[in-house]
C-alpha cells in the first residue's frame, strides 16, 4: 500500500505541530481504507462487534463536526446521523457507501481546517455541553489527535482482517 502521508515536522511551533499531527492521523485513516470496495469497508471485525472501517469514517466525521463546528464555532447544528444526538448511530454503516461516508468526512475535515485557521490562537474557547465547560482549541486539537490515533489502531486490525494489509 503506497504511503503518501506527510510526516509531521520535527522542529516547529505548537500550532503547526498540532495541525500536522492531526492531518497525519486523518491521512492514516484514509490510507487504511484505500483500495477497498464498499462491501469490504462494511466488513465487521468479529462477533459480537459491529465495528467497520466505514463506521469509523462516519464516526470521525461526526467527531470533527462536533468539536470544531458545534463546540469551537458554536454552530447550532445536529449530528449528521442522529437527530437525537446519538453518537453511536454513526457506527452503523450497513447501508452506507464509500462516497457517502467519505464525502461527509471530507466535508467536516474541511470545515474543521477553516475553523482552526480562522481562530486567532489556540486559546480560543468554545462550550463543550457534555462537560458543561469551556474548552480551548488547543484541547480540541489534542483530543482529535488522540481520537484518530485510537481509532486508527482499530482500523489497523479491521484492515488486516479484510485483506491482510498491515503497517502504517
N, C-alpha and C. Protein backbone atom coordinates (compact mmCIF):
# COMPACT_ATOMS: atom_id res chain seq x y z
N UNK A 1 0.85 -1.17 0.00
CA UNK A 1 0.00 0.00 0.00
C UNK A 1 0.90 1.24 0.00
N UNK A 2 0.88 2.05 -1.05
CA UNK A 2 1.72 3.24 -1.09
C UNK A 2 1.33 4.24 -0.02
N UNK A 3 2.32 4.76 0.66
CA UNK A 3 2.10 5.68 1.77
C UNK A 3 2.48 7.09 1.33
N UNK A 4 1.46 7.94 1.12
CA UNK A 4 1.72 9.31 0.67
C UNK A 4 1.48 10.34 1.77
N UNK A 5 1.45 9.87 3.03
CA UNK A 5 1.26 10.80 4.15
C UNK A 5 2.49 11.69 4.30
N UNK A 6 2.27 12.90 4.80
CA UNK A 6 3.37 13.83 5.07
C UNK A 6 3.70 13.75 6.55
N UNK A 7 4.94 13.42 6.86
CA UNK A 7 5.35 13.31 8.25
C UNK A 7 5.29 14.67 8.93
N UNK A 8 4.84 14.70 10.19
CA UNK A 8 4.85 15.96 10.93
C UNK A 8 6.28 16.48 11.10
N UNK A 9 6.43 17.79 11.23
CA UNK A 9 7.78 18.37 11.37
C UNK A 9 8.42 17.98 12.71
N UNK A 10 9.72 17.86 12.69
CA UNK A 10 10.46 17.56 13.91
C UNK A 10 10.70 18.81 14.74
N UNK A 11 10.80 19.95 14.07
CA UNK A 11 11.01 21.23 14.75
C UNK A 11 10.01 22.23 14.20
N UNK A 12 9.04 22.60 15.01
CA UNK A 12 8.03 23.56 14.57
C UNK A 12 7.34 24.14 15.80
N UNK A 13 6.56 25.17 15.59
CA UNK A 13 5.80 25.75 16.67
C UNK A 13 4.65 24.84 17.08
N UNK A 14 4.04 25.20 18.19
CA UNK A 14 2.96 24.37 18.74
C UNK A 14 1.81 24.17 17.75
N UNK A 15 1.32 25.25 17.20
CA UNK A 15 0.15 25.15 16.33
C UNK A 15 0.46 24.35 15.06
N UNK A 16 1.60 24.62 14.45
CA UNK A 16 1.98 23.89 13.24
C UNK A 16 2.15 22.41 13.54
N UNK A 17 2.70 22.08 14.70
CA UNK A 17 2.89 20.69 15.09
C UNK A 17 1.56 20.00 15.32
N UNK A 18 0.65 20.63 16.04
CA UNK A 18 -0.68 20.05 16.28
C UNK A 18 -1.42 19.84 14.96
N UNK A 19 -1.39 20.84 14.12
CA UNK A 19 -2.06 20.77 12.82
C UNK A 19 -1.48 19.61 11.99
N UNK A 20 -0.16 19.48 11.98
CA UNK A 20 0.49 18.44 11.18
C UNK A 20 0.18 17.04 11.71
N UNK A 21 0.19 16.87 13.04
CA UNK A 21 -0.13 15.56 13.59
C UNK A 21 -1.58 15.19 13.35
N UNK A 22 -2.48 16.14 13.45
CA UNK A 22 -3.88 15.86 13.18
C UNK A 22 -4.06 15.46 11.71
N UNK A 23 -3.45 16.20 10.80
CA UNK A 23 -3.55 15.86 9.39
C UNK A 23 -2.89 14.51 9.08
N UNK A 24 -1.81 14.19 9.77
CA UNK A 24 -1.15 12.90 9.58
C UNK A 24 -2.10 11.76 9.97
N UNK A 25 -2.79 11.92 11.08
CA UNK A 25 -3.72 10.88 11.52
C UNK A 25 -4.96 10.81 10.63
N UNK A 26 -5.41 11.96 10.13
CA UNK A 26 -6.51 11.93 9.15
C UNK A 26 -6.08 11.14 7.92
N UNK A 27 -4.88 11.39 7.46
CA UNK A 27 -4.36 10.69 6.27
C UNK A 27 -4.18 9.20 6.54
N UNK A 28 -3.87 8.85 7.78
CA UNK A 28 -3.72 7.44 8.13
C UNK A 28 -5.05 6.72 8.00
N UNK A 29 -6.13 7.34 8.45
CA UNK A 29 -7.45 6.73 8.30
C UNK A 29 -7.77 6.49 6.83
N UNK A 30 -7.53 7.50 6.00
CA UNK A 30 -7.79 7.35 4.56
C UNK A 30 -6.93 6.24 3.98
N UNK A 31 -5.67 6.15 4.39
CA UNK A 31 -4.76 5.12 3.91
C UNK A 31 -5.28 3.72 4.25
N UNK A 32 -5.80 3.56 5.46
CA UNK A 32 -6.31 2.26 5.89
C UNK A 32 -7.50 1.80 5.06
N UNK A 33 -8.21 2.75 4.47
CA UNK A 33 -9.41 2.42 3.68
C UNK A 33 -9.14 2.36 2.18
N UNK A 34 -7.96 2.77 1.77
CA UNK A 34 -7.64 2.86 0.34
C UNK A 34 -7.72 1.51 -0.36
N UNK A 35 -8.36 1.54 -1.53
CA UNK A 35 -8.40 0.36 -2.39
C UNK A 35 -9.43 -0.68 -2.01
N UNK A 36 -10.27 -0.40 -1.03
CA UNK A 36 -11.29 -1.37 -0.62
C UNK A 36 -12.64 -1.03 -1.23
N UNK A 37 -13.42 -2.06 -1.49
CA UNK A 37 -14.77 -1.87 -2.02
C UNK A 37 -15.72 -1.46 -0.89
N UNK A 38 -16.91 -1.03 -1.26
CA UNK A 38 -17.92 -0.70 -0.25
C UNK A 38 -18.19 -1.90 0.66
N UNK A 39 -18.31 -3.08 0.05
CA UNK A 39 -18.57 -4.28 0.85
C UNK A 39 -17.43 -4.55 1.83
N UNK A 40 -16.19 -4.39 1.38
CA UNK A 40 -15.05 -4.60 2.29
C UNK A 40 -15.03 -3.55 3.39
N UNK A 41 -15.37 -2.32 3.06
CA UNK A 41 -15.40 -1.26 4.07
C UNK A 41 -16.50 -1.48 5.10
N UNK A 42 -17.52 -2.24 4.74
CA UNK A 42 -18.62 -2.57 5.67
C UNK A 42 -18.38 -3.89 6.40
N UNK A 43 -17.27 -4.54 6.13
CA UNK A 43 -16.98 -5.83 6.76
C UNK A 43 -16.72 -5.65 8.25
N UNK A 44 -17.41 -6.45 9.05
CA UNK A 44 -17.28 -6.37 10.52
C UNK A 44 -16.02 -7.07 10.99
N UNK A 45 -15.53 -6.62 12.14
CA UNK A 45 -14.30 -7.18 12.68
C UNK A 45 -14.48 -8.62 13.12
N UNK A 46 -15.28 -8.84 14.14
CA UNK A 46 -15.57 -10.19 14.63
C UNK A 46 -16.75 -10.09 15.59
N UNK A 47 -17.57 -11.11 15.62
CA UNK A 47 -18.72 -11.07 16.53
C UNK A 47 -18.23 -10.96 17.98
N UNK A 48 -18.90 -10.25 18.83
CA UNK A 48 -20.17 -9.57 18.60
C UNK A 48 -20.01 -8.14 18.08
N UNK A 49 -18.79 -7.71 17.83
CA UNK A 49 -18.56 -6.33 17.39
C UNK A 49 -19.19 -6.07 16.03
N UNK A 50 -19.71 -4.87 15.88
CA UNK A 50 -20.26 -4.44 14.59
C UNK A 50 -19.37 -3.38 13.96
N UNK A 51 -18.18 -3.18 14.51
CA UNK A 51 -17.26 -2.15 14.04
C UNK A 51 -16.79 -2.43 12.62
N UNK A 52 -16.81 -1.38 11.78
CA UNK A 52 -16.34 -1.47 10.40
C UNK A 52 -15.49 -0.24 10.08
N UNK A 53 -14.71 -0.33 9.03
CA UNK A 53 -13.94 0.84 8.59
C UNK A 53 -14.87 1.99 8.20
N UNK A 54 -15.94 1.68 7.50
CA UNK A 54 -16.88 2.72 7.09
C UNK A 54 -17.55 3.35 8.31
N UNK A 55 -17.83 2.55 9.32
CA UNK A 55 -18.39 3.08 10.56
C UNK A 55 -17.41 4.03 11.25
N UNK A 56 -16.12 3.68 11.21
CA UNK A 56 -15.10 4.57 11.79
C UNK A 56 -15.05 5.89 11.05
N UNK A 57 -15.11 5.85 9.73
CA UNK A 57 -15.09 7.08 8.94
C UNK A 57 -16.28 7.96 9.30
N UNK A 58 -17.46 7.35 9.39
CA UNK A 58 -18.67 8.10 9.75
C UNK A 58 -18.55 8.68 11.16
N UNK A 59 -18.04 7.87 12.08
CA UNK A 59 -17.87 8.34 13.46
C UNK A 59 -16.92 9.54 13.51
N UNK A 60 -15.81 9.45 12.79
CA UNK A 60 -14.84 10.54 12.84
C UNK A 60 -15.36 11.79 12.13
N UNK A 61 -16.23 11.64 11.15
CA UNK A 61 -16.90 12.81 10.57
C UNK A 61 -17.75 13.48 11.64
N UNK A 62 -18.46 12.69 12.42
CA UNK A 62 -19.30 13.22 13.49
C UNK A 62 -18.46 13.91 14.56
N UNK A 63 -17.32 13.33 14.89
CA UNK A 63 -16.43 13.91 15.90
C UNK A 63 -15.86 15.23 15.41
N UNK A 64 -15.40 15.29 14.16
CA UNK A 64 -14.91 16.54 13.58
C UNK A 64 -16.00 17.61 13.66
N UNK A 65 -17.20 17.24 13.24
CA UNK A 65 -18.34 18.16 13.23
C UNK A 65 -18.61 18.70 14.63
N UNK A 66 -18.62 17.80 15.60
CA UNK A 66 -18.96 18.21 16.96
C UNK A 66 -17.91 19.13 17.57
N UNK A 67 -16.65 18.73 17.53
CA UNK A 67 -15.63 19.50 18.22
C UNK A 67 -15.33 20.84 17.54
N UNK A 68 -15.25 20.84 16.24
CA UNK A 68 -14.90 22.09 15.57
C UNK A 68 -16.12 22.98 15.31
N UNK A 69 -17.16 22.42 14.73
CA UNK A 69 -18.31 23.26 14.35
C UNK A 69 -19.22 23.56 15.54
N UNK A 70 -19.58 22.53 16.29
CA UNK A 70 -20.54 22.73 17.38
C UNK A 70 -19.88 23.35 18.61
N UNK A 71 -18.67 22.91 18.95
CA UNK A 71 -18.02 23.42 20.17
C UNK A 71 -17.27 24.72 19.88
N UNK A 72 -16.24 24.69 19.05
CA UNK A 72 -15.42 25.88 18.83
C UNK A 72 -16.16 26.96 18.07
N UNK A 73 -16.90 26.61 17.03
CA UNK A 73 -17.57 27.61 16.21
C UNK A 73 -19.00 27.91 16.68
N UNK A 74 -19.47 27.23 17.71
CA UNK A 74 -20.80 27.44 18.31
C UNK A 74 -21.93 27.36 17.28
N UNK A 75 -21.80 26.45 16.31
CA UNK A 75 -22.87 26.28 15.32
C UNK A 75 -23.97 25.41 15.91
N UNK A 76 -25.19 25.84 15.77
CA UNK A 76 -26.34 25.09 16.27
C UNK A 76 -26.81 24.14 15.17
N UNK A 77 -26.10 23.02 15.05
CA UNK A 77 -26.40 22.04 14.01
C UNK A 77 -26.51 20.66 14.66
N UNK A 78 -27.35 19.80 14.07
CA UNK A 78 -27.48 18.44 14.63
C UNK A 78 -26.32 17.56 14.20
N UNK A 79 -26.27 16.38 14.78
CA UNK A 79 -25.34 15.38 14.30
C UNK A 79 -25.78 14.96 12.90
N UNK A 80 -24.87 14.43 12.13
CA UNK A 80 -25.20 14.01 10.76
C UNK A 80 -26.11 12.79 10.73
N UNK A 81 -25.89 11.83 11.62
CA UNK A 81 -26.59 10.56 11.53
C UNK A 81 -27.56 10.30 12.67
N UNK A 82 -27.82 11.31 13.49
CA UNK A 82 -28.79 11.11 14.57
C UNK A 82 -29.38 12.44 15.01
N UNK A 83 -30.65 12.61 14.78
CA UNK A 83 -31.35 13.82 15.25
C UNK A 83 -31.46 13.82 16.77
N UNK A 84 -31.34 12.65 17.37
CA UNK A 84 -31.45 12.52 18.83
C UNK A 84 -30.12 12.73 19.55
N UNK A 85 -29.06 12.98 18.82
CA UNK A 85 -27.75 13.20 19.44
C UNK A 85 -27.03 11.92 19.83
N UNK A 86 -27.37 10.80 19.20
CA UNK A 86 -26.75 9.52 19.50
C UNK A 86 -25.49 9.34 18.65
N UNK A 87 -24.34 9.50 19.28
CA UNK A 87 -23.07 9.37 18.56
C UNK A 87 -22.84 7.95 18.04
N UNK A 88 -23.44 6.96 18.67
CA UNK A 88 -23.26 5.58 18.24
C UNK A 88 -23.90 5.30 16.88
N UNK A 89 -24.89 6.11 16.50
CA UNK A 89 -25.59 5.89 15.23
C UNK A 89 -24.64 5.95 14.04
N UNK A 90 -23.59 6.73 14.14
CA UNK A 90 -22.63 6.86 13.03
C UNK A 90 -21.93 5.54 12.73
N UNK A 91 -21.78 4.69 13.74
CA UNK A 91 -21.09 3.42 13.54
C UNK A 91 -21.86 2.46 12.65
N UNK A 92 -23.18 2.64 12.56
CA UNK A 92 -23.98 1.74 11.73
C UNK A 92 -23.85 2.13 10.27
N UNK A 93 -22.94 1.49 9.59
CA UNK A 93 -22.66 1.80 8.19
C UNK A 93 -23.22 0.72 7.26
N UNK A 94 -24.17 -0.05 7.75
CA UNK A 94 -24.68 -1.18 6.98
C UNK A 94 -25.29 -0.77 5.64
N UNK A 95 -25.85 0.44 5.57
CA UNK A 95 -26.44 0.91 4.32
C UNK A 95 -25.61 2.04 3.69
N UNK A 96 -24.45 2.28 4.22
CA UNK A 96 -23.61 3.39 3.77
C UNK A 96 -22.72 2.97 2.60
N UNK A 97 -22.20 3.96 1.91
CA UNK A 97 -21.24 3.73 0.83
C UNK A 97 -19.99 4.54 1.10
N UNK A 98 -18.93 4.19 0.40
CA UNK A 98 -17.69 4.96 0.48
C UNK A 98 -17.97 6.43 0.14
N UNK A 99 -18.72 6.65 -0.93
CA UNK A 99 -18.99 8.02 -1.38
C UNK A 99 -19.72 8.82 -0.29
N UNK A 100 -20.71 8.22 0.33
CA UNK A 100 -21.48 8.92 1.37
C UNK A 100 -20.62 9.20 2.60
N UNK A 101 -19.96 8.18 3.11
CA UNK A 101 -19.17 8.33 4.34
C UNK A 101 -17.97 9.24 4.14
N UNK A 102 -17.21 9.00 3.07
CA UNK A 102 -16.01 9.82 2.84
C UNK A 102 -16.38 11.24 2.43
N UNK A 103 -17.49 11.40 1.71
CA UNK A 103 -17.95 12.75 1.37
C UNK A 103 -18.25 13.56 2.62
N UNK A 104 -18.96 12.95 3.56
CA UNK A 104 -19.28 13.62 4.82
C UNK A 104 -18.01 13.91 5.62
N UNK A 105 -17.14 12.91 5.70
CA UNK A 105 -15.90 13.07 6.48
C UNK A 105 -15.03 14.18 5.89
N UNK A 106 -14.84 14.18 4.57
CA UNK A 106 -14.01 15.21 3.94
C UNK A 106 -14.62 16.59 4.10
N UNK A 107 -15.93 16.68 4.02
CA UNK A 107 -16.61 17.97 4.24
C UNK A 107 -16.36 18.48 5.65
N UNK A 108 -16.47 17.60 6.63
CA UNK A 108 -16.26 18.01 8.02
C UNK A 108 -14.80 18.35 8.29
N UNK A 109 -13.88 17.62 7.69
CA UNK A 109 -12.45 17.94 7.85
C UNK A 109 -12.17 19.33 7.28
N UNK A 110 -12.74 19.65 6.13
CA UNK A 110 -12.52 20.99 5.55
C UNK A 110 -13.11 22.08 6.43
N UNK A 111 -14.29 21.86 6.97
CA UNK A 111 -14.87 22.83 7.93
C UNK A 111 -13.92 23.01 9.11
N UNK A 112 -13.44 21.89 9.64
CA UNK A 112 -12.55 21.94 10.80
C UNK A 112 -11.28 22.73 10.49
N UNK A 113 -10.70 22.48 9.34
CA UNK A 113 -9.48 23.20 8.95
C UNK A 113 -9.74 24.70 8.84
N UNK A 114 -10.86 25.07 8.25
CA UNK A 114 -11.19 26.51 8.13
C UNK A 114 -11.38 27.15 9.51
N UNK A 115 -12.07 26.46 10.38
CA UNK A 115 -12.31 26.99 11.73
C UNK A 115 -10.99 27.14 12.48
N UNK A 116 -10.15 26.13 12.39
CA UNK A 116 -8.85 26.19 13.10
C UNK A 116 -7.99 27.31 12.54
N UNK A 117 -7.93 27.46 11.25
CA UNK A 117 -7.09 28.50 10.65
C UNK A 117 -7.61 29.90 10.95
N UNK A 118 -8.93 30.04 11.06
CA UNK A 118 -9.53 31.35 11.33
C UNK A 118 -9.38 31.76 12.79
N UNK A 119 -9.16 30.81 13.67
CA UNK A 119 -9.03 31.12 15.09
C UNK A 119 -7.75 31.91 15.33
N UNK A 120 -7.84 32.96 16.10
CA UNK A 120 -6.68 33.80 16.36
C UNK A 120 -5.57 33.09 17.11
N UNK A 121 -5.92 32.17 17.97
CA UNK A 121 -4.90 31.45 18.73
C UNK A 121 -5.47 30.13 19.22
N UNK A 122 -4.61 29.32 19.78
CA UNK A 122 -5.04 28.04 20.35
C UNK A 122 -5.81 28.25 21.65
N UNK A 123 -5.81 29.48 22.15
CA UNK A 123 -6.53 29.79 23.38
C UNK A 123 -7.99 30.14 23.15
N UNK A 124 -8.43 30.19 21.87
CA UNK A 124 -9.85 30.40 21.57
C UNK A 124 -10.63 29.29 22.26
N UNK A 125 -11.78 29.63 22.82
CA UNK A 125 -12.56 28.63 23.54
C UNK A 125 -13.95 28.45 22.96
N UNK A 126 -14.53 27.33 23.29
CA UNK A 126 -15.90 27.02 22.95
C UNK A 126 -16.50 26.22 24.09
N UNK A 127 -17.80 26.15 24.10
CA UNK A 127 -18.51 25.47 25.19
C UNK A 127 -18.76 24.01 24.82
N UNK A 128 -18.29 23.12 25.66
CA UNK A 128 -18.50 21.69 25.48
C UNK A 128 -19.64 21.29 26.41
N UNK A 129 -20.84 21.11 25.84
CA UNK A 129 -22.05 20.91 26.63
C UNK A 129 -22.00 19.66 27.50
N UNK A 130 -21.45 18.57 26.99
CA UNK A 130 -21.41 17.32 27.76
C UNK A 130 -20.63 17.49 29.06
N UNK A 131 -19.56 18.27 29.01
CA UNK A 131 -18.76 18.52 30.20
C UNK A 131 -19.25 19.74 30.97
N UNK A 132 -20.05 20.58 30.29
CA UNK A 132 -20.52 21.80 30.93
C UNK A 132 -19.39 22.79 31.19
N UNK A 133 -18.40 22.80 30.32
CA UNK A 133 -17.20 23.62 30.50
C UNK A 133 -16.76 24.27 29.19
N UNK A 134 -16.01 25.36 29.32
CA UNK A 134 -15.32 25.94 28.18
C UNK A 134 -14.07 25.11 27.92
N UNK A 135 -13.73 24.92 26.66
CA UNK A 135 -12.52 24.19 26.29
C UNK A 135 -11.78 25.01 25.24
N UNK A 136 -10.47 24.88 25.21
CA UNK A 136 -9.66 25.62 24.25
C UNK A 136 -9.52 24.86 22.94
N UNK A 137 -9.21 25.60 21.90
CA UNK A 137 -8.90 24.98 20.61
C UNK A 137 -7.70 24.04 20.78
N UNK A 138 -6.77 24.38 21.62
CA UNK A 138 -5.61 23.52 21.89
C UNK A 138 -6.08 22.15 22.38
N UNK A 139 -7.00 22.14 23.37
CA UNK A 139 -7.52 20.88 23.88
C UNK A 139 -8.25 20.12 22.78
N UNK A 140 -9.04 20.82 21.97
CA UNK A 140 -9.77 20.17 20.89
C UNK A 140 -8.81 19.50 19.92
N UNK A 141 -7.77 20.18 19.54
CA UNK A 141 -6.81 19.59 18.60
C UNK A 141 -6.10 18.38 19.21
N UNK A 142 -5.72 18.49 20.47
CA UNK A 142 -5.09 17.34 21.15
C UNK A 142 -6.08 16.18 21.27
N UNK A 143 -7.32 16.50 21.60
CA UNK A 143 -8.34 15.45 21.70
C UNK A 143 -8.54 14.77 20.35
N UNK A 144 -8.57 15.54 19.28
CA UNK A 144 -8.76 14.96 17.95
C UNK A 144 -7.59 14.06 17.57
N UNK A 145 -6.38 14.46 17.89
CA UNK A 145 -5.21 13.60 17.62
C UNK A 145 -5.38 12.28 18.37
N UNK A 146 -5.76 12.36 19.63
CA UNK A 146 -5.99 11.17 20.44
C UNK A 146 -7.10 10.30 19.84
N UNK A 147 -8.20 10.93 19.44
CA UNK A 147 -9.34 10.21 18.86
C UNK A 147 -8.93 9.45 17.59
N UNK A 148 -8.22 10.14 16.70
CA UNK A 148 -7.77 9.48 15.48
C UNK A 148 -6.76 8.38 15.76
N UNK A 149 -5.81 8.64 16.65
CA UNK A 149 -4.78 7.63 16.94
C UNK A 149 -5.42 6.36 17.48
N UNK A 150 -6.38 6.52 18.38
CA UNK A 150 -7.07 5.36 18.96
C UNK A 150 -7.84 4.60 17.88
N UNK A 151 -8.60 5.32 17.07
CA UNK A 151 -9.40 4.65 16.05
C UNK A 151 -8.56 4.14 14.89
N UNK A 152 -7.41 4.74 14.64
CA UNK A 152 -6.52 4.19 13.61
C UNK A 152 -5.95 2.84 14.04
N UNK A 153 -5.81 2.65 15.34
CA UNK A 153 -5.43 1.32 15.84
C UNK A 153 -6.52 0.30 15.51
N UNK A 154 -7.78 0.70 15.70
CA UNK A 154 -8.88 -0.19 15.31
C UNK A 154 -8.83 -0.45 13.81
N UNK A 155 -8.58 0.60 13.04
CA UNK A 155 -8.53 0.48 11.58
C UNK A 155 -7.44 -0.50 11.14
N UNK A 156 -6.31 -0.52 11.86
CA UNK A 156 -5.24 -1.48 11.56
C UNK A 156 -5.77 -2.91 11.61
N UNK A 157 -6.47 -3.23 12.70
CA UNK A 157 -6.99 -4.59 12.87
C UNK A 157 -8.08 -4.90 11.85
N UNK A 158 -8.95 -3.93 11.59
CA UNK A 158 -10.01 -4.15 10.61
C UNK A 158 -9.41 -4.42 9.23
N UNK A 159 -8.44 -3.61 8.82
CA UNK A 159 -7.83 -3.78 7.50
C UNK A 159 -7.12 -5.12 7.40
N UNK A 160 -6.41 -5.50 8.43
CA UNK A 160 -5.71 -6.79 8.40
C UNK A 160 -6.70 -7.93 8.24
N UNK A 161 -7.86 -7.82 8.90
CA UNK A 161 -8.87 -8.86 8.79
C UNK A 161 -9.51 -8.94 7.42
N UNK A 162 -9.51 -7.83 6.69
CA UNK A 162 -10.13 -7.79 5.36
C UNK A 162 -9.22 -8.41 4.31
N UNK A 163 -7.98 -7.94 4.25
CA UNK A 163 -7.10 -8.41 3.17
C UNK A 163 -5.66 -8.68 3.58
N UNK A 164 -5.40 -8.66 4.87
CA UNK A 164 -4.05 -8.98 5.34
C UNK A 164 -3.08 -7.82 5.36
N UNK A 165 -3.48 -6.65 4.85
CA UNK A 165 -2.57 -5.48 4.86
C UNK A 165 -2.30 -5.04 6.30
N UNK A 166 -1.04 -4.81 6.59
CA UNK A 166 -0.65 -4.35 7.93
C UNK A 166 0.34 -3.21 7.81
N UNK A 167 0.52 -2.52 8.91
CA UNK A 167 1.51 -1.45 8.97
C UNK A 167 0.91 -0.08 8.74
N UNK A 168 1.79 0.91 8.78
CA UNK A 168 1.45 2.32 8.60
C UNK A 168 0.55 2.76 9.70
